[in-house]
């Protein structure tokens, strides 16, 4: 699974790092934390932001 630093994730979403920090505080898009309390995001956070629900997705990845 891909982990994104806040700067990289902000660029991916087209928002600022400050916006990500605010969303984390407000609970809009909660970040994961490292043991040293640094924020990081995953691809699942990206799907959540885009509104893509993967819980009931029965498709299989074929590569």
PDB file of N, CA and C in Angstrom:
ATOM      1  N   UNK A   1       0.850  -1.178   0.000  1.00  0.00           N
ATOM      2  CA  UNK A   1       0.000   0.000   0.000  1.00  0.00           C
ATOM      3  C   UNK A   1       0.893   1.237   0.000  1.00  0.00           C
ATOM      4  N   UNK A   2       0.489   2.231  -0.743  1.00  0.00           N
ATOM      5  CA  UNK A   2       1.271   3.445  -0.865  1.00  0.00           C
ATOM      6  C   UNK A   2       0.946   4.409   0.266  1.00  0.00           C
ATOM      7  N   UNK A   3       1.990   4.930   0.895  1.00  0.00           N
ATOM      8  CA  UNK A   3       1.834   5.973   1.897  1.00  0.00           C
ATOM      9  C   UNK A   3       2.293   7.291   1.300  1.00  0.00           C
ATOM     10  N   UNK A   4       1.531   8.348   1.582  1.00  0.00           N
ATOM     11  CA  UNK A   4       1.845   9.666   1.051  1.00  0.00           C
ATOM     12  C   UNK A   4       2.181  10.619   2.191  1.00  0.00           C
ATOM     13  N   UNK A   5       3.197  11.432   1.991  1.00  0.00           N
ATOM     14  CA  UNK A   5       3.475  12.528   2.908  1.00  0.00           C
ATOM     15  C   UNK A   5       2.411  13.594   2.671  1.00  0.00           C
ATOM     16  N   UNK A   6       2.132  14.426   3.673  1.00  0.00           N
ATOM     17  CA  UNK A   6       1.094  15.448   3.500  1.00  0.00           C
ATOM     18  C   UNK A   6       1.307  16.330   2.268  1.00  0.00           C
ATOM     19  N   UNK A   7       2.540  16.702   1.986  1.00  0.00           N
ATOM     20  CA  UNK A   7       2.805  17.560   0.828  1.00  0.00           C
ATOM     21  C   UNK A   7       2.419  16.866  -0.472  1.00  0.00           C
ATOM     22  N   UNK A   8       2.801  15.609  -0.611  1.00  0.00           N
ATOM     23  CA  UNK A   8       2.489  14.856  -1.824  1.00  0.00           C
ATOM     24  C   UNK A   8       0.989  14.610  -1.953  1.00  0.00           C
ATOM     25  N   UNK A   9       0.342  14.311  -0.827  1.00  0.00           N
ATOM     26  CA  UNK A   9      -1.094  14.047  -0.853  1.00  0.00           C
ATOM     27  C   UNK A   9      -1.871  15.317  -1.172  1.00  0.00           C
ATOM     28  N   UNK A  10      -1.406  16.444  -0.663  1.00  0.00           N
ATOM     29  CA  UNK A  10      -2.058  17.724  -0.955  1.00  0.00           C
ATOM     30  C   UNK A  10      -1.981  18.035  -2.444  1.00  0.00           C
ATOM     31  N   UNK A  11      -0.841  17.773  -3.064  1.00  0.00           N
ATOM     32  CA  UNK A  11      -0.689  17.987  -4.505  1.00  0.00           C
ATOM     33  C   UNK A  11      -1.613  17.063  -5.289  1.00  0.00           C
ATOM     34  N   UNK A  12      -1.748  15.825  -4.833  1.00  0.00           N
ATOM     35  CA  UNK A  12      -2.612  14.858  -5.496  1.00  0.00           C
ATOM     36  C   UNK A  12      -4.068  15.323  -5.477  1.00  0.00           C
ATOM     37  N   UNK A  13      -4.495  15.898  -4.360  1.00  0.00           N
ATOM     38  CA  UNK A  13      -5.878  16.342  -4.228  1.00  0.00           C
ATOM     39  C   UNK A  13      -6.115  17.757  -4.748  1.00  0.00           C
ATOM     40  N   UNK A  14      -5.039  18.520  -4.917  1.00  0.00           N
ATOM     41  CA  UNK A  14      -5.184  19.891  -5.386  1.00  0.00           C
ATOM     42  C   UNK A  14      -5.570  20.851  -4.271  1.00  0.00           C
ATOM     43  N   UNK A  15      -5.132  20.561  -3.040  1.00  0.00           N
ATOM     44  CA  UNK A  15      -5.385  21.438  -1.902  1.00  0.00           C
ATOM     45  C   UNK A  15      -4.053  21.743  -1.235  1.00  0.00           C
ATOM     46  N   UNK A  16      -4.078  22.588  -0.216  1.00  0.00           N
ATOM     47  CA  UNK A  16      -2.849  22.923   0.486  1.00  0.00           C
ATOM     48  C   UNK A  16      -2.646  21.986   1.679  1.00  0.00           C
ATOM     49  N   UNK A  17      -1.427  21.968   2.191  1.00  0.00           N
ATOM     50  CA  UNK A  17      -1.119  21.160   3.362  1.00  0.00           C
ATOM     51  C   UNK A  17      -1.909  21.671   4.562  1.00  0.00           C
ATOM     52  N   UNK A  18      -2.067  22.977   4.657  1.00  0.00           N
ATOM     53  CA  UNK A  18      -2.846  23.567   5.756  1.00  0.00           C
ATOM     54  C   UNK A  18      -4.287  23.075   5.716  1.00  0.00           C
ATOM     55  N   UNK A  19      -4.838  22.901   4.519  1.00  0.00           N
ATOM     56  CA  UNK A  19      -6.201  22.381   4.390  1.00  0.00           C
ATOM     57  C   UNK A  19      -6.268  20.954   4.911  1.00  0.00           C
ATOM     58  N   UNK A  20      -5.277  20.128   4.578  1.00  0.00           N
ATOM     59  CA  UNK A  20      -5.236  18.754   5.086  1.00  0.00           C
ATOM     60  C   UNK A  20      -5.147  18.742   6.611  1.00  0.00           C
ATOM     61  N   UNK A  21      -4.342  19.632   7.166  1.00  0.00           N
ATOM     62  CA  UNK A  21      -4.215  19.711   8.620  1.00  0.00           C
ATOM     63  C   UNK A  21      -5.544  20.103   9.256  1.00  0.00           C
ATOM     64  N   UNK A  22      -6.243  21.053   8.656  1.00  0.00           N
ATOM     65  CA  UNK A  22      -7.541  21.481   9.174  1.00  0.00           C
ATOM     66  C   UNK A  22      -8.556  20.348   9.079  1.00  0.00           C
ATOM     67  N   UNK A  23      -8.577  19.647   7.944  1.00  0.00           N
ATOM     68  CA  UNK A  23      -9.498  18.528   7.778  1.00  0.00           C
ATOM     69  C   UNK A  23      -9.218  17.441   8.813  1.00  0.00           C
ATOM     70  N   UNK A  24      -7.953  17.224   9.142  1.00  0.00           N
ATOM     71  CA  UNK A  24      -7.606  16.229  10.146  1.00  0.00           C
ATOM     72  C   UNK A  24      -8.136  16.647  11.517  1.00  0.00           C
ATOM     73  N   UNK A  25      -7.959  17.917  11.874  1.00  0.00           N
ATOM     74  CA  UNK A  25      -8.468  18.419  13.161  1.00  0.00           C
ATOM     75  C   UNK A  25      -9.978  18.333  13.242  1.00  0.00           C
ATOM     76  N   UNK A  26     -10.665  18.673  12.127  1.00  0.00           N
ATOM     77  CA  UNK A  26     -12.124  18.693  12.106  1.00  0.00           C
ATOM     78  C   UNK A  26     -12.734  17.309  11.917  1.00  0.00           C
ATOM     79  N   UNK A  27     -11.922  16.339  11.519  1.00  0.00           N
ATOM     80  CA  UNK A  27     -12.426  14.984  11.305  1.00  0.00           C
ATOM     81  C   UNK A  27     -12.973  14.746   9.910  1.00  0.00           C
ATOM     82  N   UNK A  28     -12.790  15.702   9.007  1.00  0.00           N
ATOM     83  CA  UNK A  28     -13.272  15.552   7.635  1.00  0.00           C
ATOM     84  C   UNK A  28     -12.509  14.456   6.896  1.00  0.00           C
ATOM     85  N   UNK A  29     -11.196  14.464   7.011  1.00  0.00           N
ATOM     86  CA  UNK A  29     -10.340  13.445   6.391  1.00  0.00           C
ATOM     87  C   UNK A  29      -9.208  13.175   7.380  1.00  0.00           C
ATOM     88  N   UNK A  30      -9.430  12.203   8.262  1.00  0.00           N
ATOM     89  CA  UNK A  30      -8.468  11.907   9.322  1.00  0.00           C
ATOM     90  C   UNK A  30      -7.216  11.249   8.754  1.00  0.00           C
ATOM     91  N   UNK A  31      -6.066  11.773   9.157  1.00  0.00           N
ATOM     92  CA  UNK A  31      -4.782  11.223   8.734  1.00  0.00           C
ATOM     93  C   UNK A  31      -4.365  10.104   9.671  1.00  0.00           C
ATOM     94  N   UNK A  32      -3.576   9.189   9.161  1.00  0.00           N
ATOM     95  CA  UNK A  32      -2.931   8.202  10.019  1.00  0.00           C
ATOM     96  C   UNK A  32      -1.718   8.879  10.639  1.00  0.00           C
ATOM     97  N   UNK A  33      -1.218   8.290  11.721  1.00  0.00           N
ATOM     98  CA  UNK A  33      -0.052   8.856  12.399  1.00  0.00           C
ATOM     99  C   UNK A  33       1.037   7.807  12.548  1.00  0.00           C
ATOM    100  N   UNK A  34       2.279   8.255  12.405  1.00  0.00           N
ATOM    101  CA  UNK A  34       3.428   7.392  12.646  1.00  0.00           C
ATOM    102  C   UNK A  34       3.663   7.324  14.159  1.00  0.00           C
ATOM    103  N   UNK A  35       4.553   6.440  14.621  1.00  0.00           N
ATOM    104  CA  UNK A  35       4.861   6.409  16.066  1.00  0.00           C
ATOM    105  C   UNK A  35       5.423   7.730  16.586  1.00  0.00           C
ATOM    106  N   UNK A  36       6.015   8.533  15.701  1.00  0.00           N
ATOM    107  CA  UNK A  36       6.532   9.845  16.106  1.00  0.00           C
ATOM    108  C   UNK A  36       5.506  10.956  15.880  1.00  0.00           C
ATOM    109  N   UNK A  37       4.239  10.575  15.650  1.00  0.00           N
ATOM    110  CA  UNK A  37       3.093  11.483  15.529  1.00  0.00           C
ATOM    111  C   UNK A  37       3.103  12.328  14.257  1.00  0.00           C
ATOM    112  N   UNK A  38       3.736  11.853  13.211  1.00  0.00           N
ATOM    113  CA  UNK A  38       3.702  12.527  11.907  1.00  0.00           C
ATOM    114  C   UNK A  38       2.505  12.030  11.119  1.00  0.00           C
ATOM    115  N   UNK A  39       1.875  12.948  10.378  1.00  0.00           N
ATOM    116  CA  UNK A  39       0.735  12.561   9.553  1.00  0.00           C
ATOM    117  C   UNK A  39       1.213  11.855   8.285  1.00  0.00           C
ATOM    118  N   UNK A  40       0.412  10.889   7.850  1.00  0.00           N
ATOM    119  CA  UNK A  40       0.608  10.292   6.530  1.00  0.00           C
ATOM    120  C   UNK A  40      -0.740   9.817   6.031  1.00  0.00           C
ATOM    121  N   UNK A  41      -0.842   9.679   4.722  1.00  0.00           N
ATOM    122  CA  UNK A  41      -2.090   9.303   4.080  1.00  0.00           C
ATOM    123  C   UNK A  41      -1.848   8.073   3.213  1.00  0.00           C
ATOM    124  N   UNK A  42      -2.914   7.347   2.920  1.00  0.00           N
ATOM    125  CA  UNK A  42      -2.819   6.140   2.102  1.00  0.00           C
ATOM    126  C   UNK A  42      -3.715   6.287   0.874  1.00  0.00           C
ATOM    127  N   UNK A  43      -3.625   5.313  -0.004  1.00  0.00           N
ATOM    128  CA  UNK A  43      -4.476   5.318  -1.193  1.00  0.00           C
ATOM    129  C   UNK A  43      -5.948   5.218  -0.802  1.00  0.00           C
ATOM    130  N   UNK A  44      -6.244   4.544   0.299  1.00  0.00           N
ATOM    131  CA  UNK A  44      -7.626   4.465   0.783  1.00  0.00           C
ATOM    132  C   UNK A  44      -8.160   5.846   1.160  1.00  0.00           C
ATOM    133  N   UNK A  45      -7.297   6.718   1.691  1.00  0.00           N
ATOM    134  CA  UNK A  45      -7.713   8.090   1.977  1.00  0.00           C
ATOM    135  C   UNK A  45      -8.098   8.808   0.674  1.00  0.00           C
ATOM    136  N   UNK A  46      -7.323   8.543  -0.369  1.00  0.00           N
ATOM    137  CA  UNK A  46      -7.621   9.152  -1.672  1.00  0.00           C
ATOM    138  C   UNK A  46      -8.985   8.687  -2.176  1.00  0.00           C
ATOM    139  N   UNK A  47      -9.249   7.381  -2.090  1.00  0.00           N
ATOM    140  CA  UNK A  47     -10.542   6.860  -2.529  1.00  0.00           C
ATOM    141  C   UNK A  47     -11.680   7.434  -1.695  1.00  0.00           C
ATOM    142  N   UNK A  48     -11.451   7.581  -0.397  1.00  0.00           N
ATOM    143  CA  UNK A  48     -12.462   8.173   0.481  1.00  0.00           C
ATOM    144  C   UNK A  48     -12.752   9.607   0.058  1.00  0.00           C
ATOM    145  N   UNK A  49     -11.710  10.369  -0.251  1.00  0.00           N
ATOM    146  CA  UNK A  49     -11.891  11.758  -0.672  1.00  0.00           C
ATOM    147  C   UNK A  49     -12.678  11.833  -1.975  1.00  0.00           C
ATOM    148  N   UNK A  50     -12.393  10.923  -2.893  1.00  0.00           N
ATOM    149  CA  UNK A  50     -13.083  10.908  -4.179  1.00  0.00           C
ATOM    150  C   UNK A  50     -14.491  10.321  -4.091  1.00  0.00           C
ATOM    151  N   UNK A  51     -14.832   9.737  -2.937  1.00  0.00           N
ATOM    152  CA  UNK A  51     -16.166   9.185  -2.748  1.00  0.00           C
ATOM    153  C   UNK A  51     -16.342   7.806  -3.344  1.00  0.00           C
ATOM    154  N   UNK A  52     -15.257   7.072  -3.478  1.00  0.00           N
ATOM    155  CA  UNK A  52     -15.307   5.728  -4.038  1.00  0.00           C
ATOM    156  C   UNK A  52     -15.354   4.736  -2.886  1.00  0.00           C
ATOM    157  N   UNK A  53     -16.420   3.967  -2.810  1.00  0.00           N
ATOM    158  CA  UNK A  53     -16.603   2.994  -1.739  1.00  0.00           C
ATOM    159  C   UNK A  53     -16.053   1.649  -2.184  1.00  0.00           C
ATOM    160  N   UNK A  54     -15.061   1.155  -1.456  1.00  0.00           N
ATOM    161  CA  UNK A  54     -14.440  -0.115  -1.831  1.00  0.00           C
ATOM    162  C   UNK A  54     -14.878  -1.262  -0.933  1.00  0.00           C
ATOM    163  N   UNK A  55     -15.694  -0.996   0.078  1.00  0.00           N
ATOM    164  CA  UNK A  55     -16.092  -2.052   1.011  1.00  0.00           C
ATOM    165  C   UNK A  55     -16.929  -3.130   0.331  1.00  0.00           C
ATOM    166  N   UNK A  56     -17.852  -2.743  -0.531  1.00  0.00           N
ATOM    167  CA  UNK A  56     -18.736  -3.704  -1.182  1.00  0.00           C
ATOM    168  C   UNK A  56     -18.304  -4.009  -2.614  1.00  0.00           C
ATOM    169  N   UNK A  57     -17.089  -3.647  -2.945  1.00  0.00           N
ATOM    170  CA  UNK A  57     -16.575  -3.853  -4.293  1.00  0.00           C
ATOM    171  C   UNK A  57     -16.157  -5.308  -4.457  1.00  0.00           C
ATOM    172  N   UNK A  58     -16.783  -6.016  -5.367  1.00  0.00           N
ATOM    173  CA  UNK A  58     -16.506  -7.434  -5.566  1.00  0.00           C
ATOM    174  C   UNK A  58     -15.573  -7.694  -6.757  1.00  0.00           C
ATOM    175  N   UNK A  59     -15.055  -6.623  -7.338  1.00  0.00           N
ATOM    176  CA  UNK A  59     -14.139  -6.795  -8.463  1.00  0.00           C
ATOM    177  C   UNK A  59     -12.784  -7.287  -7.967  1.00  0.00           C
ATOM    178  N   UNK A  60     -12.044  -7.930  -8.843  1.00  0.00           N
ATOM    179  CA  UNK A  60     -10.722  -8.424  -8.525  1.00  0.00           C
ATOM    180  C   UNK A  60      -9.695  -7.689  -9.381  1.00  0.00           C
ATOM    181  N   UNK A  61      -8.547  -7.431  -8.787  1.00  0.00           N
ATOM    182  CA  UNK A  61      -7.467  -6.791  -9.516  1.00  0.00           C
ATOM    183  C   UNK A  61      -6.724  -7.856 -10.293  1.00  0.00           C
ATOM    184  N   UNK A  62      -6.592  -7.656 -11.604  1.00  0.00           N
ATOM    185  CA  UNK A  62      -5.897  -8.599 -12.472  1.00  0.00           C
ATOM    186  C   UNK A  62      -4.770  -7.834 -13.162  1.00  0.00           C
ATOM    187  N   UNK A  63      -3.580  -8.322 -12.950  1.00  0.00           N
ATOM    188  CA  UNK A  63      -2.434  -7.647 -13.559  1.00  0.00           C
ATOM    189  C   UNK A  63      -1.661  -8.642 -14.387  1.00  0.00           C
TER     190      UNK A  63
END
